[in-house]
């Protein structure tokens, strides 16, 4: 399938060309790869549905501040 992109602003085009060059790719190959990666991501609704399906975290456990402090202590000990 072919696609033509019209009315792409010059700064965006320059950045895509720069990134393609940095990756050692043609602009076409780079844009196809970016579109493949983007299409593989879940939509916001799909992601929210997945998150909503996760069980809630227990409320009787330690809070986030305590967990971070414990994690820092573990790093200092190691």
N, C-alpha and C. Protein backbone atom coordinates (compact mmCIF):
# COMPACT_ATOMS: atom_id res chain seq x y z
N UNK A 1 0.84 -1.17 0.00
CA UNK A 1 0.00 0.00 0.00
C UNK A 1 0.89 1.24 0.00
N UNK A 2 0.50 2.23 -0.74
CA UNK A 2 1.24 3.48 -0.81
C UNK A 2 0.45 4.59 -0.15
N UNK A 3 1.17 5.54 0.40
CA UNK A 3 0.53 6.68 1.03
C UNK A 3 1.35 7.92 0.73
N UNK A 4 0.68 8.98 0.44
CA UNK A 4 1.34 10.27 0.23
C UNK A 4 0.92 11.18 1.37
N UNK A 5 1.88 11.89 1.94
CA UNK A 5 1.58 12.80 3.03
C UNK A 5 1.71 14.22 2.50
N UNK A 6 0.62 14.95 2.58
CA UNK A 6 0.62 16.33 2.11
C UNK A 6 0.57 17.27 3.30
N UNK A 7 1.02 18.48 3.07
CA UNK A 7 0.94 19.56 4.06
C UNK A 7 1.70 19.26 5.35
N UNK A 8 2.77 18.48 5.25
CA UNK A 8 3.63 18.25 6.40
C UNK A 8 4.52 19.48 6.57
N UNK A 9 4.50 20.06 7.77
CA UNK A 9 5.27 21.28 7.96
C UNK A 9 6.77 20.99 7.86
N UNK A 10 7.51 22.00 7.49
CA UNK A 10 8.94 21.84 7.24
C UNK A 10 9.72 21.42 8.49
N UNK A 11 9.46 21.98 9.68
CA UNK A 11 10.21 21.53 10.86
C UNK A 11 10.02 20.03 11.15
N UNK A 12 8.81 19.53 10.97
CA UNK A 12 8.56 18.10 11.19
C UNK A 12 9.30 17.27 10.16
N UNK A 13 9.27 17.70 8.91
CA UNK A 13 9.98 16.99 7.85
C UNK A 13 11.48 16.95 8.13
N UNK A 14 12.05 18.09 8.52
CA UNK A 14 13.48 18.14 8.83
C UNK A 14 13.84 17.19 9.97
N UNK A 15 12.99 17.15 11.01
CA UNK A 15 13.27 16.28 12.15
C UNK A 15 13.18 14.82 11.75
N UNK A 16 12.23 14.47 10.93
CA UNK A 16 12.12 13.08 10.46
C UNK A 16 13.34 12.70 9.62
N UNK A 17 13.78 13.61 8.78
CA UNK A 17 14.97 13.35 7.97
C UNK A 17 16.19 13.19 8.88
N UNK A 18 16.31 14.06 9.90
CA UNK A 18 17.44 13.97 10.83
C UNK A 18 17.45 12.64 11.56
N UNK A 19 16.27 12.20 12.03
CA UNK A 19 16.19 10.94 12.76
C UNK A 19 16.45 9.75 11.85
N UNK A 20 15.97 9.82 10.63
CA UNK A 20 16.22 8.74 9.67
C UNK A 20 17.72 8.63 9.40
N UNK A 21 18.36 9.77 9.18
CA UNK A 21 19.81 9.78 8.95
C UNK A 21 20.55 9.20 10.15
N UNK A 22 20.16 9.60 11.35
CA UNK A 22 20.82 9.12 12.56
C UNK A 22 20.65 7.60 12.72
N UNK A 23 19.54 7.08 12.22
CA UNK A 23 19.29 5.63 12.31
C UNK A 23 19.88 4.89 11.11
N UNK A 24 20.48 5.63 10.18
CA UNK A 24 21.05 5.00 8.99
C UNK A 24 19.98 4.44 8.06
N UNK A 25 18.84 5.11 8.01
CA UNK A 25 17.71 4.63 7.21
C UNK A 25 17.28 5.70 6.23
N UNK A 26 16.57 5.26 5.21
CA UNK A 26 15.93 6.22 4.33
C UNK A 26 14.74 6.83 5.06
N UNK A 27 14.31 7.99 4.62
CA UNK A 27 13.15 8.62 5.24
C UNK A 27 11.94 7.71 5.15
N UNK A 28 11.74 7.10 3.99
CA UNK A 28 10.60 6.21 3.80
C UNK A 28 10.64 5.04 4.79
N UNK A 29 11.78 4.38 4.90
CA UNK A 29 11.90 3.24 5.81
C UNK A 29 11.69 3.67 7.26
N UNK A 30 12.23 4.83 7.61
CA UNK A 30 12.08 5.31 8.98
C UNK A 30 10.61 5.58 9.30
N UNK A 31 9.91 6.26 8.40
CA UNK A 31 8.50 6.59 8.65
C UNK A 31 7.67 5.31 8.71
N UNK A 32 7.95 4.33 7.85
CA UNK A 32 7.23 3.06 7.91
C UNK A 32 7.46 2.39 9.25
N UNK A 33 8.69 2.40 9.76
CA UNK A 33 8.99 1.79 11.05
C UNK A 33 8.26 2.51 12.19
N UNK A 34 8.25 3.83 12.15
CA UNK A 34 7.54 4.61 13.17
C UNK A 34 6.05 4.28 13.15
N UNK A 35 5.47 4.17 11.98
CA UNK A 35 4.05 3.84 11.87
C UNK A 35 3.76 2.42 12.36
N UNK A 36 4.65 1.48 12.07
CA UNK A 36 4.49 0.10 12.57
C UNK A 36 4.48 0.09 14.10
N UNK A 37 5.46 0.79 14.69
CA UNK A 37 5.54 0.82 16.16
C UNK A 37 4.31 1.47 16.77
N UNK A 38 3.85 2.55 16.16
CA UNK A 38 2.68 3.25 16.68
C UNK A 38 1.43 2.38 16.57
N UNK A 39 1.27 1.70 15.45
CA UNK A 39 0.09 0.86 15.25
C UNK A 39 0.07 -0.33 16.21
N UNK A 40 1.22 -0.74 16.71
CA UNK A 40 1.29 -1.87 17.63
C UNK A 40 0.91 -1.48 19.06
N UNK A 41 0.88 -0.20 19.36
CA UNK A 41 0.52 0.26 20.70
C UNK A 41 -0.99 0.17 20.91
N UNK A 42 -1.41 -0.10 22.14
CA UNK A 42 -2.85 -0.09 22.39
C UNK A 42 -3.38 1.35 22.34
N UNK A 43 -4.65 1.48 21.99
CA UNK A 43 -5.27 2.80 22.07
C UNK A 43 -5.43 3.17 23.54
N UNK A 44 -5.73 4.41 23.80
CA UNK A 44 -5.94 4.84 25.18
C UNK A 44 -7.08 4.05 25.81
N UNK A 45 -8.17 3.85 25.07
CA UNK A 45 -9.30 3.09 25.60
C UNK A 45 -8.92 1.64 25.89
N UNK A 46 -8.15 1.02 25.00
CA UNK A 46 -7.70 -0.36 25.23
C UNK A 46 -6.84 -0.45 26.48
N UNK A 47 -5.93 0.52 26.64
CA UNK A 47 -5.06 0.53 27.81
C UNK A 47 -5.86 0.74 29.08
N UNK A 48 -6.81 1.69 29.05
CA UNK A 48 -7.63 1.94 30.23
C UNK A 48 -8.47 0.71 30.59
N UNK A 49 -9.02 0.02 29.60
CA UNK A 49 -9.78 -1.20 29.86
C UNK A 49 -8.90 -2.24 30.56
N UNK A 50 -7.66 -2.36 30.10
CA UNK A 50 -6.74 -3.32 30.71
C UNK A 50 -6.43 -2.94 32.16
N UNK A 51 -6.17 -1.65 32.38
CA UNK A 51 -5.84 -1.18 33.72
C UNK A 51 -7.05 -1.34 34.64
N UNK A 52 -8.21 -1.02 34.13
CA UNK A 52 -9.42 -1.15 34.96
C UNK A 52 -9.68 -2.60 35.35
N UNK A 53 -9.20 -3.54 34.55
CA UNK A 53 -9.40 -4.95 34.84
C UNK A 53 -8.43 -5.50 35.87
N UNK A 54 -7.38 -4.75 36.17
CA UNK A 54 -6.41 -5.20 37.18
C UNK A 54 -7.04 -5.14 38.57
N UNK A 55 -6.68 -6.07 39.42
CA UNK A 55 -7.23 -6.02 40.78
C UNK A 55 -6.69 -4.80 41.52
N UNK A 56 -7.49 -4.23 42.41
CA UNK A 56 -7.00 -3.05 43.16
C UNK A 56 -5.87 -3.44 44.09
N UNK A 57 -5.02 -2.49 44.36
CA UNK A 57 -3.93 -2.72 45.30
C UNK A 57 -4.48 -2.75 46.71
N UNK A 58 -3.91 -3.58 47.56
CA UNK A 58 -4.40 -3.63 48.94
C UNK A 58 -4.15 -2.29 49.65
N UNK A 59 -5.13 -1.85 50.41
CA UNK A 59 -4.99 -0.55 51.08
C UNK A 59 -4.30 -0.68 52.43
N UNK A 60 -4.08 -1.91 52.88
CA UNK A 60 -3.46 -2.10 54.19
C UNK A 60 -1.94 -2.23 54.12
N UNK A 61 -1.38 -2.14 52.91
CA UNK A 61 0.07 -2.27 52.75
C UNK A 61 0.76 -0.94 52.98
N UNK A 62 2.09 -0.92 52.84
CA UNK A 62 2.85 0.31 53.05
C UNK A 62 2.54 1.34 51.95
N UNK A 63 2.67 2.61 52.30
CA UNK A 63 2.43 3.66 51.30
C UNK A 63 3.67 3.82 50.41
N UNK A 64 3.53 4.61 49.37
CA UNK A 64 4.61 4.74 48.39
C UNK A 64 5.87 5.35 48.99
N UNK A 65 5.73 6.29 49.92
CA UNK A 65 6.90 6.91 50.54
C UNK A 65 7.71 5.85 51.29
N UNK A 66 7.01 4.99 52.03
CA UNK A 66 7.69 3.92 52.77
C UNK A 66 8.40 2.97 51.82
N UNK A 67 7.74 2.61 50.71
CA UNK A 67 8.35 1.70 49.74
C UNK A 67 9.61 2.30 49.13
N UNK A 68 9.56 3.59 48.81
CA UNK A 68 10.74 4.25 48.23
C UNK A 68 11.87 4.28 49.25
N UNK A 69 11.55 4.62 50.50
CA UNK A 69 12.59 4.64 51.54
C UNK A 69 13.21 3.26 51.73
N UNK A 70 12.39 2.22 51.73
CA UNK A 70 12.91 0.86 51.86
C UNK A 70 13.80 0.50 50.68
N UNK A 71 13.38 0.89 49.48
CA UNK A 71 14.17 0.62 48.29
C UNK A 71 15.52 1.31 48.33
N UNK A 72 15.53 2.54 48.82
CA UNK A 72 16.79 3.27 48.94
C UNK A 72 17.71 2.62 49.96
N UNK A 73 17.14 2.15 51.06
CA UNK A 73 17.95 1.46 52.07
C UNK A 73 18.55 0.19 51.49
N UNK A 74 17.76 -0.54 50.69
CA UNK A 74 18.26 -1.77 50.06
C UNK A 74 19.44 -1.47 49.14
N UNK A 75 19.37 -0.36 48.44
CA UNK A 75 20.46 0.01 47.51
C UNK A 75 21.70 0.39 48.30
N UNK A 76 21.52 1.13 49.39
CA UNK A 76 22.67 1.55 50.22
C UNK A 76 23.37 0.37 50.84
N UNK A 77 22.62 -0.68 51.18
CA UNK A 77 23.20 -1.87 51.81
C UNK A 77 24.00 -2.68 50.79
N UNK A 78 23.52 -2.73 49.57
CA UNK A 78 24.14 -3.60 48.55
C UNK A 78 25.47 -3.13 48.10
